[in-house]
Amino acid sequence: MDRDSLITIIAILTITAIGAYLLVAWADLTGGEEPEEQPVPPLKPQPTPECTEGGNVSCTTSDNCSGYQLCINDHFTSCMRQLEVCLPGSKHWCTITGCAQGYMYCDRCGSGYGECFTKPCTQGANGTNSTCLIEGLQ
């Protein structure tokens, strides 16, 4: 056997020995078992939308006023107060049956005016429109 053949045989044996050593070392690290194939987790079902985009529902706000919830990104917003029609607590004059004048007050939520509160007529009827006069009203 010539020298080159001997070097080739020694190289092959060395590589084989290193490979065998690595296999034994791997078996010690993994407990001698082949790694188990991890199961693929099932796809999560998509959640059912809470509402239809752009829809709305009536609700009551935390201060007990009429409100609504809007559907944005498949979920309802918190309850929002309806737009105000009047300034809460403000008063507006009114008449009843053309003879008694008084005031109606905007409710605390600003959603509208309540009933007309009148004073008894003490000054008689106005000649042009047959309504009673109340102090401060004309």
Protein backbone atom coordinates (compact mmCIF):
# COMPACT_ATOMS: atom_id res chain seq x y z
CA MET A 1 0.00 0.00 0.00
CA ASP A 2 1.31 3.38 -0.89
CA ARG A 3 1.46 6.38 1.28
CA ASP A 4 -1.48 8.28 -0.35
CA SER A 5 -3.83 5.34 0.02
CA LEU A 6 -2.91 5.03 3.69
CA ILE A 7 -3.64 8.74 4.28
CA THR A 8 -7.00 8.38 2.54
CA ILE A 9 -7.95 5.38 4.71
CA ILE A 10 -6.91 7.22 7.90
CA ALA A 11 -8.95 10.27 6.84
CA ILE A 12 -12.05 8.14 6.18
CA LEU A 13 -11.69 6.35 9.54
CA THR A 14 -11.22 9.67 11.35
CA ILE A 15 -14.32 11.18 9.76
CA THR A 16 -16.30 8.02 10.57
CA ALA A 17 -15.11 8.11 14.21
CA ILE A 18 -16.06 11.79 14.55
CA GLY A 19 -19.50 11.06 13.06
CA ALA A 20 -20.04 8.16 15.45
CA TYR A 21 -19.00 10.34 18.40
CA LEU A 22 -21.47 13.06 17.35
CA LEU A 23 -24.29 10.53 17.06
CA VAL A 24 -23.58 9.19 20.56
CA ALA A 25 -23.40 12.75 21.94
CA TRP A 26 -26.71 13.62 20.24
CA ALA A 27 -28.36 10.52 21.67
CA ASP A 28 -27.20 11.54 25.17
CA LEU A 29 -28.60 15.06 24.75
CA THR A 30 -31.98 13.90 23.46
CA GLY A 31 -32.35 10.90 25.72
CA GLY A 32 -31.70 8.52 22.88
CA GLU A 33 -35.04 9.20 21.22
CA GLU A 34 -35.83 10.81 17.97
CA PRO A 35 -37.41 14.19 18.49
CA GLU A 36 -41.18 13.99 18.30
CA GLU A 37 -42.90 15.87 15.61
CA GLN A 38 -44.79 18.75 17.20
CA PRO A 39 -48.47 18.76 16.28
CA VAL A 40 -49.62 21.76 14.30
CA PRO A 41 -52.06 23.72 16.46
CA PRO A 42 -55.52 23.94 14.95
CA LEU A 43 -56.49 27.25 13.41
CA LYS A 44 -58.37 29.46 15.84
CA PRO A 45 -61.93 30.03 14.72
CA GLN A 46 -62.60 33.61 13.82
CA PRO A 47 -64.78 35.28 16.47
CA THR A 48 -68.34 36.03 15.47
CA PRO A 49 -68.74 39.79 14.99
CA GLU A 50 -70.63 41.44 17.84
CA CYS A 51 -72.49 43.69 15.40
CA THR A 52 -72.79 44.80 11.79
CA GLU A 53 -70.37 47.57 10.82
CA GLY A 54 -72.05 51.01 11.00
CA GLY A 55 -75.10 49.71 12.89
CA ASN A 56 -76.31 51.23 16.15
CA VAL A 57 -78.49 50.32 19.12
CA SER A 58 -80.24 52.39 21.78
CA CYS A 59 -78.85 52.41 25.30
CA THR A 60 -78.88 54.39 28.54
CA THR A 61 -75.80 56.39 29.52
CA SER A 62 -74.22 56.21 32.98
CA ASP A 63 -76.13 59.39 33.93
CA ASN A 64 -79.46 57.81 32.86
CA CYS A 65 -79.89 59.72 29.61
CA SER A 66 -80.92 58.28 26.24
CA GLY A 67 -77.96 57.26 24.15
CA TYR A 68 -76.72 54.97 21.40
CA GLN A 69 -73.84 52.62 20.66
CA LEU A 70 -72.19 52.50 17.22
CA CYS A 71 -70.70 49.37 15.67
CA ILE A 72 -67.05 49.99 14.75
CA ASN A 73 -64.65 47.16 13.83
CA ASP A 74 -67.26 44.50 14.74
CA HIS A 75 -67.67 45.84 18.32
CA PHE A 76 -70.07 48.32 19.91
CA THR A 77 -68.71 51.57 21.32
CA SER A 78 -69.61 52.67 24.83
CA CYS A 79 -73.00 54.35 25.19
CA MET A 80 -72.90 57.92 23.88
CA ARG A 81 -75.50 60.58 24.69
CA GLN A 82 -77.87 61.67 21.91
CA LEU A 83 -77.24 65.10 20.42
CA GLU A 84 -78.66 67.87 22.57
CA VAL A 85 -81.78 69.62 21.33
CA CYS A 86 -81.59 72.26 24.04
CA LEU A 87 -79.27 73.39 26.81
CA PRO A 88 -80.09 71.39 29.97
CA GLY A 89 -81.93 73.60 32.47
CA SER A 90 -82.64 76.42 30.01
CA LYS A 91 -86.19 77.75 29.77
CA HIS A 92 -88.35 78.67 26.81
CA TRP A 93 -91.66 80.48 26.94
CA CYS A 94 -94.87 78.71 26.05
CA THR A 95 -98.67 79.22 26.06
CA ILE A 96 -101.55 76.94 26.91
CA THR A 97 -104.92 77.28 25.16
CA GLY A 98 -103.98 80.76 24.04
CA CYS A 99 -104.59 82.30 27.45
CA ALA A 100 -101.92 81.23 29.92
CA GLN A 101 -98.25 81.90 29.34
CA GLY A 102 -95.43 80.19 31.10
CA TYR A 103 -92.11 78.43 30.71
CA MET A 104 -91.00 74.97 29.73
CA TYR A 105 -87.61 73.74 30.86
CA CYS A 106 -85.07 71.72 28.94
CA ASP A 107 -84.61 68.33 30.62
CA ARG A 108 -81.32 67.39 32.32
CA CYS A 109 -80.18 65.36 29.30
CA GLY A 110 -80.79 68.14 26.78
CA SER A 111 -83.08 65.88 24.75
CA GLY A 112 -86.14 68.16 24.82
CA TYR A 113 -88.46 70.42 26.77
CA GLY A 114 -90.88 69.27 29.43
CA GLU A 115 -94.41 70.45 30.06
CA CYS A 116 -95.42 74.10 30.10
CA PHE A 117 -95.57 75.55 33.63
CA THR A 118 -97.91 78.53 33.83
CA LYS A 119 -98.97 81.13 36.37
CA PRO A 120 -102.59 82.04 36.87
CA CYS A 121 -103.54 85.04 34.76
CA THR A 122 -103.73 88.10 37.02
CA GLN A 123 -103.48 90.95 34.53
CA GLY A 124 -106.18 90.05 32.00
CA ALA A 125 -106.01 89.35 28.32
CA ASN A 126 -103.86 91.15 25.81
CA GLY A 127 -106.08 92.77 23.21
CA THR A 128 -104.12 91.66 20.15
CA ASN A 129 -103.78 87.93 20.67
CA SER A 130 -106.01 87.09 23.66
CA THR A 131 -103.10 85.73 25.75
CA CYS A 132 -102.47 86.53 29.38
CA LEU A 133 -99.50 88.65 30.32
CA ILE A 134 -96.96 87.36 32.85
CA GLU A 135 -94.26 89.49 34.38
CA GLY A 136 -91.29 89.56 32.02
CA LEU A 137 -93.15 87.92 29.12
CA GLN A 138 -94.77 89.73 26.22
